Amino acid sequence: MEHDGRNETLDDVVKRLVDETGISEADALELIYLLGLNWCSLVREARLLKGQARGS
């Protein structure tokens, strides 16, 4: 996955997803393993997951 013109490592993607959506690193990793590195899908699912956590 490319962001800002450079290749990101898995750790970079996890950190960016955590920073942008507020989910945990464990949840971010799980989403990546389930969905792959499609950023739009990851953000959508992370936001849904975060919303479910608030609703509980």
N, C-alpha and C. Protein backbone atom coordinates (compact mmCIF):
# COMPACT_ATOMS: atom_id res chain seq x y z
N MET A 1 0.85 -1.18 0.00
CA MET A 1 0.00 0.00 0.00
C MET A 1 0.89 1.23 0.00
N GLU A 2 0.52 2.20 -0.81
CA GLU A 2 1.29 3.42 -0.86
C GLU A 2 0.55 4.57 -0.21
N HIS A 3 1.26 5.35 0.55
CA HIS A 3 0.70 6.54 1.20
C HIS A 3 1.79 7.59 1.20
N ASP A 4 1.47 8.77 0.77
CA ASP A 4 2.46 9.86 0.70
C ASP A 4 3.66 9.48 -0.17
N GLY A 5 3.41 8.68 -1.22
CA GLY A 5 4.48 8.36 -2.16
C GLY A 5 5.51 7.36 -1.66
N ARG A 6 5.21 6.63 -0.61
CA ARG A 6 6.18 5.63 -0.13
C ARG A 6 5.44 4.34 0.20
N ASN A 7 6.17 3.25 0.24
CA ASN A 7 5.57 1.97 0.59
C ASN A 7 5.43 1.87 2.10
N GLU A 8 4.26 1.44 2.54
CA GLU A 8 4.00 1.29 3.97
C GLU A 8 4.19 -0.16 4.40
N THR A 9 4.73 -0.33 5.60
CA THR A 9 4.80 -1.66 6.19
C THR A 9 3.46 -1.95 6.86
N LEU A 10 3.28 -3.18 7.27
CA LEU A 10 2.07 -3.56 7.98
C LEU A 10 1.92 -2.72 9.24
N ASP A 11 3.01 -2.50 9.95
CA ASP A 11 2.97 -1.67 11.17
C ASP A 11 2.51 -0.25 10.86
N ASP A 12 2.96 0.29 9.72
CA ASP A 12 2.54 1.64 9.32
C ASP A 12 1.04 1.70 9.09
N VAL A 13 0.51 0.68 8.41
CA VAL A 13 -0.92 0.65 8.10
C VAL A 13 -1.72 0.52 9.39
N VAL A 14 -1.27 -0.35 10.29
CA VAL A 14 -1.95 -0.52 11.58
C VAL A 14 -1.97 0.81 12.33
N LYS A 15 -0.82 1.46 12.41
CA LYS A 15 -0.74 2.73 13.15
C LYS A 15 -1.64 3.79 12.52
N ARG A 16 -1.64 3.88 11.20
CA ARG A 16 -2.47 4.88 10.52
C ARG A 16 -3.95 4.59 10.74
N LEU A 17 -4.34 3.31 10.70
CA LEU A 17 -5.74 2.95 10.92
C LEU A 17 -6.16 3.26 12.36
N VAL A 18 -5.30 2.95 13.31
CA VAL A 18 -5.57 3.25 14.72
C VAL A 18 -5.69 4.76 14.92
N ASP A 19 -4.74 5.51 14.37
CA ASP A 19 -4.76 6.97 14.52
C ASP A 19 -5.99 7.60 13.89
N GLU A 20 -6.36 7.11 12.72
CA GLU A 20 -7.46 7.73 11.98
C GLU A 20 -8.83 7.35 12.53
N THR A 21 -8.97 6.13 13.08
CA THR A 21 -10.30 5.66 13.46
C THR A 21 -10.48 5.45 14.96
N GLY A 22 -9.39 5.34 15.71
CA GLY A 22 -9.51 5.16 17.16
C GLY A 22 -9.74 3.72 17.61
N ILE A 23 -9.61 2.75 16.69
CA ILE A 23 -9.75 1.36 17.11
C ILE A 23 -8.44 0.88 17.71
N SER A 24 -8.46 -0.28 18.33
CA SER A 24 -7.24 -0.82 18.94
C SER A 24 -6.33 -1.42 17.87
N GLU A 25 -5.06 -1.59 18.21
CA GLU A 25 -4.12 -2.22 17.28
C GLU A 25 -4.56 -3.65 16.96
N ALA A 26 -5.06 -4.37 17.97
CA ALA A 26 -5.51 -5.74 17.74
C ALA A 26 -6.67 -5.77 16.75
N ASP A 27 -7.61 -4.84 16.91
CA ASP A 27 -8.74 -4.77 15.98
C ASP A 27 -8.26 -4.39 14.58
N ALA A 28 -7.32 -3.47 14.50
CA ALA A 28 -6.78 -3.06 13.20
C ALA A 28 -6.13 -4.25 12.49
N LEU A 29 -5.33 -5.01 13.21
CA LEU A 29 -4.68 -6.18 12.63
C LEU A 29 -5.72 -7.21 12.16
N GLU A 30 -6.73 -7.42 12.96
CA GLU A 30 -7.77 -8.38 12.59
C GLU A 30 -8.47 -7.94 11.30
N LEU A 31 -8.79 -6.65 11.20
CA LEU A 31 -9.43 -6.16 9.99
C LEU A 31 -8.52 -6.32 8.77
N ILE A 32 -7.25 -6.05 8.94
CA ILE A 32 -6.30 -6.19 7.83
C ILE A 32 -6.23 -7.65 7.38
N TYR A 33 -6.19 -8.57 8.32
CA TYR A 33 -6.15 -9.99 7.96
C TYR A 33 -7.44 -10.44 7.28
N LEU A 34 -8.56 -9.85 7.67
CA LEU A 34 -9.84 -10.22 7.07
C LEU A 34 -10.07 -9.56 5.71
N LEU A 35 -9.67 -8.28 5.58
CA LEU A 35 -10.02 -7.50 4.40
C LEU A 35 -8.87 -7.25 3.44
N GLY A 36 -7.66 -7.48 3.89
CA GLY A 36 -6.50 -7.10 3.08
C GLY A 36 -6.17 -5.64 3.29
N LEU A 37 -5.51 -5.05 2.32
CA LEU A 37 -5.01 -3.69 2.48
C LEU A 37 -5.82 -2.65 1.71
N ASN A 38 -7.06 -2.94 1.45
CA ASN A 38 -7.92 -1.96 0.79
C ASN A 38 -8.29 -0.89 1.82
N TRP A 39 -7.67 0.29 1.67
CA TRP A 39 -7.79 1.33 2.70
C TRP A 39 -9.24 1.75 2.93
N CYS A 40 -9.99 1.94 1.87
CA CYS A 40 -11.38 2.39 2.02
C CYS A 40 -12.20 1.36 2.81
N SER A 41 -12.01 0.10 2.52
CA SER A 41 -12.73 -0.95 3.25
C SER A 41 -12.29 -1.00 4.70
N LEU A 42 -11.00 -0.86 4.94
CA LEU A 42 -10.49 -0.89 6.32
C LEU A 42 -11.08 0.25 7.14
N VAL A 43 -11.08 1.44 6.59
CA VAL A 43 -11.61 2.60 7.32
C VAL A 43 -13.11 2.43 7.57
N ARG A 44 -13.84 1.99 6.54
CA ARG A 44 -15.29 1.79 6.70
C ARG A 44 -15.58 0.80 7.83
N GLU A 45 -14.92 -0.35 7.80
CA GLU A 45 -15.16 -1.37 8.81
C GLU A 45 -14.68 -0.94 10.19
N ALA A 46 -13.58 -0.22 10.24
CA ALA A 46 -13.06 0.27 11.52
C ALA A 46 -14.04 1.25 12.16
N ARG A 47 -14.62 2.11 11.34
CA ARG A 47 -15.60 3.08 11.86
C ARG A 47 -16.86 2.37 12.34
N LEU A 48 -17.27 1.34 11.61
CA LEU A 48 -18.42 0.55 12.06
C LEU A 48 -18.11 -0.14 13.38
N LEU A 49 -16.92 -0.71 13.47
CA LEU A 49 -16.50 -1.39 14.69
C LEU A 49 -16.45 -0.42 15.86
N LYS A 50 -15.91 0.75 15.63
CA LYS A 50 -15.82 1.76 16.69
C LYS A 50 -17.21 2.20 17.13
N GLY A 51 -18.11 2.35 16.18
CA GLY A 51 -19.49 2.71 16.50
C GLY A 51 -20.18 1.66 17.32
N GLN A 52 -19.91 0.40 17.03
CA GLN A 52 -20.50 -0.70 17.82
C GLN A 52 -19.95 -0.70 19.22
N ALA A 53 -18.68 -0.37 19.38
CA ALA A 53 -18.06 -0.35 20.70
C ALA A 53 -18.68 0.75 21.56
N ARG A 54 -18.99 1.90 20.95
CA ARG A 54 -19.61 3.00 21.69
C ARG A 54 -21.05 2.67 22.07
N GLY A 55 -21.72 1.93 21.21
CA GLY A 55 -23.11 1.59 21.46
C GLY A 55 -23.30 0.52 22.52
N SER A 56 -22.23 -0.17 22.88
CA SER A 56 -22.33 -1.26 23.87
C SER A 56 -22.41 -0.74 25.27
